[in-house]
PDB file of all heavy atoms in Angstrom:
ATOM      1  N   PHE A   1       0.862  -1.173   0.000  1.00  0.00           N
ATOM      2  CA  PHE A   1       0.000   0.000   0.000  1.00  0.00           C
ATOM      3  C   PHE A   1       0.900   1.225   0.000  1.00  0.00           C
ATOM      4  O   PHE A   1       1.891   1.284   0.741  1.00  0.00           O
ATOM      5  CB  PHE A   1      -0.899   0.015   1.245  1.00  0.00           C
ATOM      6  CG  PHE A   1      -1.758   1.243   1.362  1.00  0.00           C
ATOM      7  CD1 PHE A   1      -2.993   1.289   0.741  1.00  0.00           C
ATOM      8  CD2 PHE A   1      -1.325   2.347   2.086  1.00  0.00           C
ATOM      9  CE1 PHE A   1      -3.796   2.424   0.839  1.00  0.00           C
ATOM     10  CE2 PHE A   1      -2.112   3.481   2.190  1.00  0.00           C
ATOM     11  CZ  PHE A   1      -3.348   3.518   1.565  1.00  0.00           C
ATOM     12  N   SER A   2       0.571   2.226  -0.819  1.00  0.00           N
ATOM     13  CA  SER A   2       1.394   3.431  -0.867  1.00  0.00           C
ATOM     14  C   SER A   2       0.511   4.656  -1.049  1.00  0.00           C
ATOM     15  O   SER A   2      -0.623   4.562  -1.535  1.00  0.00           O
ATOM     16  CB  SER A   2       2.414   3.355  -2.007  1.00  0.00           C
ATOM     17  OG  SER A   2       1.767   3.324  -3.259  1.00  0.00           O
ATOM     18  N   ALA A   3       1.048   5.803  -0.655  1.00  0.00           N
ATOM     19  CA  ALA A   3       0.344   7.073  -0.829  1.00  0.00           C
ATOM     20  C   ALA A   3       1.374   8.184  -0.965  1.00  0.00           C
ATOM     21  O   ALA A   3       2.359   8.223  -0.229  1.00  0.00           O
ATOM     22  CB  ALA A   3      -0.580   7.354   0.349  1.00  0.00           C
ATOM     23  N   VAL A   4       1.132   9.075  -1.932  1.00  0.00           N
ATOM     24  CA  VAL A   4       2.051  10.186  -2.197  1.00  0.00           C
ATOM     25  C   VAL A   4       1.226  11.446  -2.396  1.00  0.00           C
ATOM     26  O   VAL A   4       0.245  11.438  -3.151  1.00  0.00           O
ATOM     27  CB  VAL A   4       2.915   9.927  -3.445  1.00  0.00           C
ATOM     28  CG1 VAL A   4       3.844  11.113  -3.700  1.00  0.00           C
ATOM     29  CG2 VAL A   4       3.717   8.648  -3.304  1.00  0.00           C
ATOM     30  N   GLY A   5       1.608  12.538  -1.716  1.00  0.00           N
ATOM     31  CA  GLY A   5       0.873  13.777  -1.910  1.00  0.00           C
ATOM     32  C   GLY A   5       1.239  14.837  -0.899  1.00  0.00           C
ATOM     33  O   GLY A   5       2.373  14.889  -0.422  1.00  0.00           O
ATOM     34  N   GLN A   6       0.252  15.689  -0.560  1.00  0.00           N
ATOM     35  CA  GLN A   6       0.462  16.809   0.348  1.00  0.00           C
ATOM     36  C   GLN A   6      -0.617  16.852   1.418  1.00  0.00           C
ATOM     37  O   GLN A   6      -1.753  16.431   1.196  1.00  0.00           O
ATOM     38  CB  GLN A   6       0.441  18.149  -0.395  1.00  0.00           C
ATOM     39  CG  GLN A   6       1.692  18.503  -1.152  1.00  0.00           C
ATOM     40  CD  GLN A   6       1.689  19.952  -1.612  1.00  0.00           C
ATOM     41  OE1 GLN A   6       0.642  20.575  -1.770  1.00  0.00           O
ATOM     42  NE2 GLN A   6       2.876  20.514  -1.829  1.00  0.00           N
ATOM     43  N   VAL A   7      -0.233  17.387   2.581  1.00  0.00           N
ATOM     44  CA  VAL A   7      -1.178  17.665   3.655  1.00  0.00           C
ATOM     45  C   VAL A   7      -0.869  19.059   4.192  1.00  0.00           C
ATOM     46  O   VAL A   7       0.291  19.468   4.266  1.00  0.00           O
ATOM     47  CB  VAL A   7      -1.086  16.604   4.777  1.00  0.00           C
ATOM     48  CG1 VAL A   7       0.316  16.512   5.335  1.00  0.00           C
ATOM     49  CG2 VAL A   7      -2.079  16.903   5.902  1.00  0.00           C
ATOM     50  N   SER A   8      -1.927  19.807   4.555  1.00  0.00           N
ATOM     51  CA  SER A   8      -1.746  21.167   5.056  1.00  0.00           C
ATOM     52  C   SER A   8      -2.758  21.446   6.152  1.00  0.00           C
ATOM     53  O   SER A   8      -3.902  20.971   6.090  1.00  0.00           O
ATOM     54  CB  SER A   8      -1.918  22.183   3.928  1.00  0.00           C
ATOM     55  OG  SER A   8      -1.942  23.510   4.436  1.00  0.00           O
ATOM     56  N   ASP A   9      -2.331  22.207   7.168  1.00  0.00           N
ATOM     57  CA  ASP A   9      -3.264  22.654   8.190  1.00  0.00           C
ATOM     58  C   ASP A   9      -3.695  24.090   7.937  1.00  0.00           C
ATOM     59  O   ASP A   9      -4.320  24.719   8.786  1.00  0.00           O
ATOM     60  CB  ASP A   9      -2.641  22.527   9.580  1.00  0.00           C
ATOM     61  CG  ASP A   9      -1.371  23.352   9.736  1.00  0.00           C
ATOM     62  OD1 ASP A   9      -0.954  24.003   8.766  1.00  0.00           O
ATOM     63  OD2 ASP A   9      -0.793  23.334  10.846  1.00  0.00           O
ATOM     64  N   GLY A  10      -3.368  24.613   6.772  1.00  0.00           N
ATOM     65  CA  GLY A  10      -3.681  25.992   6.434  1.00  0.00           C
ATOM     66  C   GLY A  10      -2.525  26.934   6.655  1.00  0.00           C
ATOM     67  O   GLY A  10      -2.546  28.069   6.186  1.00  0.00           O
ATOM     68  N   VAL A  11      -1.488  26.437   7.349  1.00  0.00           N
ATOM     69  CA  VAL A  11      -0.287  27.231   7.603  1.00  0.00           C
ATOM     70  C   VAL A  11       0.938  26.511   7.068  1.00  0.00           C
ATOM     71  O   VAL A  11       1.685  27.043   6.248  1.00  0.00           O
ATOM     72  CB  VAL A  11      -0.107  27.524   9.105  1.00  0.00           C
ATOM     73  CG1 VAL A  11       1.188  28.295   9.349  1.00  0.00           C
ATOM     74  CG2 VAL A  11      -1.307  28.295   9.652  1.00  0.00           C
ATOM     75  N   THR A  12       1.131  25.296   7.532  1.00  0.00           N
ATOM     76  CA  THR A  12       2.280  24.486   7.119  1.00  0.00           C
ATOM     77  C   THR A  12       1.849  23.473   6.075  1.00  0.00           C
ATOM     78  O   THR A  12       0.822  22.797   6.240  1.00  0.00           O
ATOM     79  CB  THR A  12       2.888  23.744   8.331  1.00  0.00           C
ATOM     80  OG1 THR A  12       3.275  24.702   9.320  1.00  0.00           O
ATOM     81  CG2 THR A  12       4.104  22.934   7.918  1.00  0.00           C
ATOM     82  N   VAL A  13       2.619  23.363   5.000  1.00  0.00           N
ATOM     83  CA  VAL A  13       2.357  22.394   3.939  1.00  0.00           C
ATOM     84  C   VAL A  13       3.467  21.352   3.963  1.00  0.00           C
ATOM     85  O   VAL A  13       4.652  21.681   4.020  1.00  0.00           O
ATOM     86  CB  VAL A  13       2.299  23.067   2.557  1.00  0.00           C
ATOM     87  CG1 VAL A  13       2.022  22.028   1.472  1.00  0.00           C
ATOM     88  CG2 VAL A  13       1.226  24.153   2.541  1.00  0.00           C
ATOM     89  N   VAL A  14       3.069  20.079   3.923  1.00  0.00           N
ATOM     90  CA  VAL A  14       4.020  18.979   3.993  1.00  0.00           C
ATOM     91  C   VAL A  14       3.819  18.054   2.809  1.00  0.00           C
ATOM     92  O   VAL A  14       2.692  17.636   2.509  1.00  0.00           O
ATOM     93  CB  VAL A  14       3.838  18.187   5.306  1.00  0.00           C
ATOM     94  CG1 VAL A  14       4.622  16.885   5.265  1.00  0.00           C
ATOM     95  CG2 VAL A  14       4.281  19.026   6.498  1.00  0.00           C
ATOM     96  N   ASP A  15       4.902  17.750   2.097  1.00  0.00           N
ATOM     97  CA  ASP A  15       4.895  16.691   1.087  1.00  0.00           C
ATOM     98  C   ASP A  15       5.156  15.372   1.779  1.00  0.00           C
ATOM     99  O   ASP A  15       6.024  15.289   2.663  1.00  0.00           O
ATOM    100  CB  ASP A  15       5.984  16.923   0.034  1.00  0.00           C
ATOM    101  CG  ASP A  15       5.721  18.122  -0.849  1.00  0.00           C
ATOM    102  OD1 ASP A  15       4.533  18.404  -1.111  1.00  0.00           O
ATOM    103  OD2 ASP A  15       6.687  18.778  -1.270  1.00  0.00           O
ATOM    104  N   PHE A  16       4.429  14.317   1.389  1.00  0.00           N
ATOM    105  CA  PHE A  16       4.681  13.031   2.022  1.00  0.00           C
ATOM    106  C   PHE A  16       4.698  11.897   1.006  1.00  0.00           C
ATOM    107  O   PHE A  16       4.113  11.970  -0.075  1.00  0.00           O
ATOM    108  CB  PHE A  16       3.660  12.727   3.124  1.00  0.00           C
ATOM    109  CG  PHE A  16       2.243  12.519   2.634  1.00  0.00           C
ATOM    110  CD1 PHE A  16       1.824  11.291   2.156  1.00  0.00           C
ATOM    111  CD2 PHE A  16       1.326  13.562   2.666  1.00  0.00           C
ATOM    112  CE1 PHE A  16       0.518  11.092   1.723  1.00  0.00           C
ATOM    113  CE2 PHE A  16       0.019  13.375   2.234  1.00  0.00           C
ATOM    114  CZ  PHE A  16      -0.385  12.138   1.756  1.00  0.00           C
ATOM    115  N   ASP A  17       5.389  10.836   1.391  1.00  0.00           N
ATOM    116  CA  ASP A  17       5.520   9.627   0.574  1.00  0.00           C
ATOM    117  C   ASP A  17       5.613   8.464   1.548  1.00  0.00           C
ATOM    118  O   ASP A  17       6.555   8.381   2.338  1.00  0.00           O
ATOM    119  CB  ASP A  17       6.779   9.709  -0.292  1.00  0.00           C
ATOM    120  CG  ASP A  17       6.878   8.570  -1.301  1.00  0.00           C
ATOM    121  OD1 ASP A  17       6.201   7.546  -1.107  1.00  0.00           O
ATOM    122  OD2 ASP A  17       7.647   8.709  -2.267  1.00  0.00           O
ATOM    123  N   LEU A  18       4.625   7.582   1.519  1.00  0.00           N
ATOM    124  CA  LEU A  18       4.631   6.476   2.473  1.00  0.00           C
ATOM    125  C   LEU A  18       4.358   5.162   1.770  1.00  0.00           C
ATOM    126  O   LEU A  18       3.757   5.117   0.693  1.00  0.00           O
ATOM    127  CB  LEU A  18       3.601   6.694   3.584  1.00  0.00           C
ATOM    128  CG  LEU A  18       2.108   6.579   3.246  1.00  0.00           C
ATOM    129  CD1 LEU A  18       1.606   5.138   3.378  1.00  0.00           C
ATOM    130  CD2 LEU A  18       1.291   7.475   4.155  1.00  0.00           C
ATOM    131  N   SER A  19       4.799   4.094   2.398  1.00  0.00           N
ATOM    132  CA  SER A  19       4.485   2.754   1.907  1.00  0.00           C
ATOM    133  C   SER A  19       4.365   1.805   3.089  1.00  0.00           C
ATOM    134  O   SER A  19       5.087   1.932   4.088  1.00  0.00           O
ATOM    135  CB  SER A  19       5.559   2.247   0.940  1.00  0.00           C
ATOM    136  OG  SER A  19       6.775   2.011   1.603  1.00  0.00           O
ATOM    137  N   HIS A  20       3.416   0.890   2.989  1.00  0.00           N
ATOM    138  CA  HIS A  20       3.247  -0.192   3.951  1.00  0.00           C
ATOM    139  C   HIS A  20       3.333  -1.496   3.164  1.00  0.00           C
ATOM    140  O   HIS A  20       2.580  -1.691   2.203  1.00  0.00           O
ATOM    141  CB  HIS A  20       1.878  -0.133   4.634  1.00  0.00           C
ATOM    142  CG  HIS A  20       1.643   1.114   5.424  1.00  0.00           C
ATOM    143  ND1 HIS A  20       0.401   1.460   5.907  1.00  0.00           N
ATOM    144  CD2 HIS A  20       2.476   2.094   5.828  1.00  0.00           C
ATOM    145  CE1 HIS A  20       0.485   2.593   6.578  1.00  0.00           C
ATOM    146  NE2 HIS A  20       1.743   3.003   6.536  1.00  0.00           N
ATOM    147  N   THR A  21       4.222  -2.385   3.531  1.00  0.00           N
ATOM    148  CA  THR A  21       4.313  -3.682   2.857  1.00  0.00           C
ATOM    149  C   THR A  21       4.169  -4.787   3.884  1.00  0.00           C
ATOM    150  O   THR A  21       4.634  -4.666   5.026  1.00  0.00           O
ATOM    151  CB  THR A  21       5.649  -3.843   2.114  1.00  0.00           C
ATOM    152  OG1 THR A  21       6.730  -3.824   3.053  1.00  0.00           O
ATOM    153  CG2 THR A  21       5.842  -2.727   1.108  1.00  0.00           C
ATOM    154  N   TRP A  22       3.504  -5.854   3.477  1.00  0.00           N
ATOM    155  CA  TRP A  22       3.342  -7.022   4.331  1.00  0.00           C
ATOM    156  C   TRP A  22       3.666  -8.263   3.530  1.00  0.00           C
ATOM    157  O   TRP A  22       3.260  -8.406   2.378  1.00  0.00           O
ATOM    158  CB  TRP A  22       1.914  -7.111   4.856  1.00  0.00           C
ATOM    159  CG  TRP A  22       1.683  -8.334   5.701  1.00  0.00           C
ATOM    160  CD1 TRP A  22       1.980  -8.496   7.011  1.00  0.00           C
ATOM    161  CD2 TRP A  22       1.123  -9.575   5.265  1.00  0.00           C
ATOM    162  NE1 TRP A  22       1.639  -9.751   7.435  1.00  0.00           N
ATOM    163  CE2 TRP A  22       1.112 -10.438   6.376  1.00  0.00           C
ATOM    164  CE3 TRP A  22       0.647 -10.035   4.044  1.00  0.00           C
ATOM    165  CZ2 TRP A  22       0.616 -11.740   6.317  1.00  0.00           C
ATOM    166  CZ3 TRP A  22       0.163 -11.340   3.970  1.00  0.00           C
ATOM    167  CH2 TRP A  22       0.142 -12.171   5.098  1.00  0.00           C
ATOM    168  N   SER A  23       4.409  -9.154   4.130  1.00  0.00           N
ATOM    169  CA  SER A  23       4.782 -10.407   3.491  1.00  0.00           C
ATOM    170  C   SER A  23       4.762 -11.510   4.527  1.00  0.00           C
ATOM    171  O   SER A  23       5.209 -11.313   5.665  1.00  0.00           O
ATOM    172  CB  SER A  23       6.182 -10.307   2.865  1.00  0.00           C
ATOM    173  OG  SER A  23       6.680 -11.592   2.522  1.00  0.00           O
ATOM    174  N   GLU A  24       4.258 -12.673   4.145  1.00  0.00           N
ATOM    175  CA  GLU A  24       4.253 -13.805   5.055  1.00  0.00           C
ATOM    176  C   GLU A  24       5.667 -14.206   5.448  1.00  0.00           C
ATOM    177  O   GLU A  24       5.899 -14.734   6.536  1.00  0.00           O
ATOM    178  CB  GLU A  24       3.539 -14.990   4.412  1.00  0.00           C
ATOM    179  CG  GLU A  24       2.047 -14.786   4.197  1.00  0.00           C
ATOM    180  CD  GLU A  24       1.399 -15.967   3.508  1.00  0.00           C
ATOM    181  OE1 GLU A  24       2.140 -16.905   3.137  1.00  0.00           O
ATOM    182  OE2 GLU A  24       0.164 -15.971   3.346  1.00  0.00           O
ATOM    183  N   VAL A  25       6.612 -13.945   4.563  1.00  0.00           N
ATOM    184  CA  VAL A  25       8.003 -14.335   4.811  1.00  0.00           C
ATOM    185  C   VAL A  25       8.772 -13.234   5.517  1.00  0.00           C
ATOM    186  O   VAL A  25       9.477 -13.473   6.502  1.00  0.00           O
ATOM    187  CB  VAL A  25       8.703 -14.713   3.492  1.00  0.00           C
ATOM    188  CG1 VAL A  25      10.182 -15.021   3.746  1.00  0.00           C
ATOM    189  CG2 VAL A  25       8.005 -15.894   2.833  1.00  0.00           C
ATOM    190  N   ASP A  26       8.631 -11.987   5.023  1.00  0.00           N
ATOM    191  CA  ASP A  26       9.483 -10.900   5.499  1.00  0.00           C
ATOM    192  C   ASP A  26       8.861 -10.048   6.597  1.00  0.00           C
ATOM    193  O   ASP A  26       9.537  -9.207   7.186  1.00  0.00           O
ATOM    194  CB  ASP A  26       9.858  -9.988   4.318  1.00  0.00           C
ATOM    195  CG  ASP A  26      10.622 -10.742   3.248  1.00  0.00           C
ATOM    196  OD1 ASP A  26      11.417 -11.626   3.612  1.00  0.00           O
ATOM    197  OD2 ASP A  26      10.421 -10.440   2.059  1.00  0.00           O
ATOM    198  N   GLY A  27       7.588 -10.235   6.896  1.00  0.00           N
ATOM    199  CA  GLY A  27       6.950  -9.435   7.928  1.00  0.00           C
ATOM    200  C   GLY A  27       6.495  -8.084   7.397  1.00  0.00           C
ATOM    201  O   GLY A  27       6.057  -7.966   6.245  1.00  0.00           O
ATOM    202  N   PHE A  28       6.628  -7.037   8.210  1.00  0.00           N
ATOM    203  CA  PHE A  28       6.139  -5.709   7.873  1.00  0.00           C
ATOM    204  C   PHE A  28       7.281  -4.724   7.683  1.00  0.00           C
ATOM    205  O   PHE A  28       8.281  -4.781   8.385  1.00  0.00           O
ATOM    206  CB  PHE A  28       5.236  -5.157   8.982  1.00  0.00           C
ATOM    207  CG  PHE A  28       4.012  -5.958   9.235  1.00  0.00           C
ATOM    208  CD1 PHE A  28       4.039  -7.011  10.121  1.00  0.00           C
ATOM    209  CD2 PHE A  28       2.825  -5.644   8.604  1.00  0.00           C
ATOM    210  CE1 PHE A  28       2.904  -7.761  10.364  1.00  0.00           C
ATOM    211  CE2 PHE A  28       1.691  -6.385   8.838  1.00  0.00           C
ATOM    212  CZ  PHE A  28       1.727  -7.454   9.726  1.00  0.00           C
ATOM    213  N   THR A  29       7.069  -3.830   6.752  1.00  0.00           N
ATOM    214  CA  THR A  29       7.946  -2.671   6.626  1.00  0.00           C
ATOM    215  C   THR A  29       7.065  -1.456   6.408  1.00  0.00           C
ATOM    216  O   THR A  29       6.240  -1.433   5.494  1.00  0.00           O
ATOM    217  CB  THR A  29       8.929  -2.807   5.449  1.00  0.00           C
ATOM    218  OG1 THR A  29       9.757  -3.958   5.649  1.00  0.00           O
ATOM    219  CG2 THR A  29       9.817  -1.571   5.350  1.00  0.00           C
ATOM    220  N   LEU A  30       7.212  -0.459   7.264  1.00  0.00           N
ATOM    221  CA  LEU A  30       6.455   0.773   7.154  1.00  0.00           C
ATOM    222  C   LEU A  30       7.449   1.908   6.981  1.00  0.00           C
ATOM    223  O   LEU A  30       8.361   2.068   7.796  1.00  0.00           O
ATOM    224  CB  LEU A  30       5.599   1.025   8.396  1.00  0.00           C
ATOM    225  CG  LEU A  30       4.524  -0.001   8.746  1.00  0.00           C
ATOM    226  CD1 LEU A  30       5.100  -1.153   9.551  1.00  0.00           C
ATOM    227  CD2 LEU A  30       3.413   0.662   9.562  1.00  0.00           C
ATOM    228  N   THR A  31       7.296   2.696   5.934  1.00  0.00           N
ATOM    229  CA  THR A  31       8.176   3.835   5.720  1.00  0.00           C
ATOM    230  C   THR A  31       7.339   5.091   5.541  1.00  0.00           C
ATOM    231  O   THR A  31       6.297   5.075   4.887  1.00  0.00           O
ATOM    232  CB  THR A  31       9.078   3.645   4.489  1.00  0.00           C
ATOM    233  OG1 THR A  31       8.265   3.543   3.303  1.00  0.00           O
ATOM    234  CG2 THR A  31       9.938   2.397   4.617  1.00  0.00           C
ATOM    235  N   TYR A  32       7.795   6.180   6.152  1.00  0.00           N
ATOM    236  CA  TYR A  32       7.135   7.471   6.067  1.00  0.00           C
ATOM    237  C   TYR A  32       8.202   8.527   5.786  1.00  0.00           C
ATOM    238  O   TYR A  32       9.169   8.636   6.543  1.00  0.00           O
ATOM    239  CB  TYR A  32       6.432   7.828   7.383  1.00  0.00           C
ATOM    240  CG  TYR A  32       5.450   6.806   7.876  1.00  0.00           C
ATOM    241  CD1 TYR A  32       5.872   5.696   8.605  1.00  0.00           C
ATOM    242  CD2 TYR A  32       4.092   6.948   7.620  1.00  0.00           C
ATOM    243  CE1 TYR A  32       4.969   4.756   9.064  1.00  0.00           C
ATOM    244  CE2 TYR A  32       3.176   6.016   8.071  1.00  0.00           C
ATOM    245  CZ  TYR A  32       3.621   4.912   8.798  1.00  0.00           C
ATOM    246  OH  TYR A  32       2.722   3.979   9.246  1.00  0.00           O
ATOM    247  N   GLY A  33       8.021   9.266   4.730  1.00  0.00           N
ATOM    248  CA  GLY A  33       8.917  10.364   4.426  1.00  0.00           C
ATOM    249  C   GLY A  33       8.129  11.636   4.265  1.00  0.00           C
ATOM    250  O   GLY A  33       7.167  11.680   3.486  1.00  0.00           O
ATOM    251  N   ILE A  34       8.478  12.695   5.018  1.00  0.00           N
ATOM    252  CA  ILE A  34       7.776  13.962   4.877  1.00  0.00           C
ATOM    253  C   ILE A  34       8.776  15.106   4.794  1.00  0.00           C
ATOM    254  O   ILE A  34       9.844  15.061   5.406  1.00  0.00           O
ATOM    255  CB  ILE A  34       6.762  14.200   6.013  1.00  0.00           C
ATOM    256  CG1 ILE A  34       7.472  14.490   7.333  1.00  0.00           C
ATOM    257  CG2 ILE A  34       5.837  13.015   6.189  1.00  0.00           C
ATOM    258  CD1 ILE A  34       6.499  14.843   8.446  1.00  0.00           C
ATOM    259  N   ASP A  35       8.427  16.110   3.994  1.00  0.00           N
ATOM    260  CA  ASP A  35       9.245  17.305   3.814  1.00  0.00           C
ATOM    261  C   ASP A  35       8.363  18.520   4.011  1.00  0.00           C
ATOM    262  O   ASP A  35       7.303  18.632   3.379  1.00  0.00           O
ATOM    263  CB  ASP A  35       9.849  17.342   2.409  1.00  0.00           C
ATOM    264  CG  ASP A  35      10.821  16.205   2.162  1.00  0.00           C
ATOM    265  OD1 ASP A  35      11.991  16.373   2.495  1.00  0.00           O
ATOM    266  OD2 ASP A  35      10.401  15.150   1.633  1.00  0.00           O
ATOM    267  N   VAL A  36       8.789  19.433   4.871  1.00  0.00           N
ATOM    268  CA  VAL A  36       8.047  20.666   5.094  1.00  0.00           C
ATOM    269  C   VAL A  36       8.366  21.628   3.957  1.00  0.00           C
ATOM    270  O   VAL A  36       9.520  22.026   3.770  1.00  0.00           O
ATOM    271  CB  VAL A  36       8.410  21.295   6.444  1.00  0.00           C
ATOM    272  CG1 VAL A  36       7.612  22.585   6.649  1.00  0.00           C
ATOM    273  CG2 VAL A  36       8.142  20.320   7.584  1.00  0.00           C
ATOM    274  N   VAL A  37       7.362  21.995   3.171  1.00  0.00           N
ATOM    275  CA  VAL A  37       7.546  22.836   1.996  1.00  0.00           C
ATOM    276  C   VAL A  37       8.077  24.209   2.406  1.00  0.00           C
ATOM    277  O   VAL A  37       7.610  24.814   3.377  1.00  0.00           O
ATOM    278  CB  VAL A  37       6.219  22.982   1.230  1.00  0.00           C
ATOM    279  CG1 VAL A  37       6.366  23.964   0.063  1.00  0.00           C
ATOM    280  CG2 VAL A  37       5.765  21.622   0.710  1.00  0.00           C
ATOM    281  N   GLY A  38       9.101  24.672   1.678  1.00  0.00           N
ATOM    282  CA  GLY A  38       9.667  25.988   1.936  1.00  0.00           C
ATOM    283  C   GLY A  38      10.732  26.006   2.999  1.00  0.00           C
ATOM    284  O   GLY A  38      11.236  27.079   3.355  1.00  0.00           O
ATOM    285  N   THR A  39      11.088  24.828   3.543  1.00  0.00           N
ATOM    286  CA  THR A  39      12.142  24.736   4.546  1.00  0.00           C
ATOM    287  C   THR A  39      13.037  23.545   4.197  1.00  0.00           C
ATOM    288  O   THR A  39      12.775  22.807   3.241  1.00  0.00           O
ATOM    289  CB  THR A  39      11.571  24.520   5.961  1.00  0.00           C
ATOM    290  OG1 THR A  39      11.124  23.157   6.091  1.00  0.00           O
ATOM    291  CG2 THR A  39      10.406  25.462   6.223  1.00  0.00           C
ATOM    292  N   ASP A  40      14.082  23.338   5.002  1.00  0.00           N
ATOM    293  CA  ASP A  40      14.917  22.155   4.812  1.00  0.00           C
ATOM    294  C   ASP A  40      14.586  21.079   5.847  1.00  0.00           C
ATOM    295  O   ASP A  40      15.339  20.126   6.030  1.00  0.00           O
ATOM    296  CB  ASP A  40      16.410  22.507   4.882  1.00  0.00           C
ATOM    297  CG  ASP A  40      16.864  22.913   6.284  1.00  0.00           C
ATOM    298  OD1 ASP A  40      15.984  23.184   7.130  1.00  0.00           O
ATOM    299  OD2 ASP A  40      18.082  22.957   6.520  1.00  0.00           O
ATOM    300  N   THR A  41      13.437  21.215   6.510  1.00  0.00           N
ATOM    301  CA  THR A  41      13.041  20.253   7.528  1.00  0.00           C
ATOM    302  C   THR A  41      12.403  19.017   6.892  1.00  0.00           C
ATOM    303  O   THR A  41      11.522  19.133   6.037  1.00  0.00           O
ATOM    304  CB  THR A  41      12.042  20.878   8.517  1.00  0.00           C
ATOM    305  OG1 THR A  41      12.661  21.978   9.184  1.00  0.00           O
ATOM    306  CG2 THR A  41      11.574  19.865   9.542  1.00  0.00           C
ATOM    307  N   TYR A  42      12.859  17.852   7.330  1.00  0.00           N
ATOM    308  CA  TYR A  42      12.279  16.609   6.836  1.00  0.00           C
ATOM    309  C   TYR A  42      12.319  15.551   7.932  1.00  0.00           C
ATOM    310  O   TYR A  42      13.113  15.621   8.880  1.00  0.00           O
ATOM    311  CB  TYR A  42      13.008  16.101   5.593  1.00  0.00           C
ATOM    312  CG  TYR A  42      14.421  15.613   5.851  1.00  0.00           C
ATOM    313  CD1 TYR A  42      14.671  14.288   6.221  1.00  0.00           C
ATOM    314  CD2 TYR A  42      15.506  16.475   5.738  1.00  0.00           C
ATOM    315  CE1 TYR A  42      15.965  13.844   6.466  1.00  0.00           C
ATOM    316  CE2 TYR A  42      16.805  16.033   5.971  1.00  0.00           C
ATOM    317  CZ  TYR A  42      17.019  14.714   6.332  1.00  0.00           C
ATOM    318  OH  TYR A  42      18.301  14.276   6.580  1.00  0.00           O
ATOM    319  N   LEU A  43      11.439  14.563   7.805  1.00  0.00           N
ATOM    320  CA  LEU A  43      11.421  13.403   8.692  1.00  0.00           C
ATOM    321  C   LEU A  43      11.409  12.148   7.838  1.00  0.00           C
ATOM    322  O   LEU A  43      10.631  12.053   6.876  1.00  0.00           O
ATOM    323  CB  LEU A  43      10.180  13.389   9.588  1.00  0.00           C
ATOM    324  CG  LEU A  43       9.897  14.558  10.525  1.00  0.00           C
ATOM    325  CD1 LEU A  43       8.624  14.277  11.313  1.00  0.00           C
ATOM    326  CD2 LEU A  43      11.056  14.787  11.466  1.00  0.00           C
TER     327      LEU A  43
END
């Protein structure tokens, strides 16, 4: 499962890119990447 786009509270705008993967063999991997638009802040 994946999702790519933007979220905003009306003040701060964040670009995000996430993925959730599940496998009977490998288990779970959850990744979340976000960048605050107009700054160098990221998670």
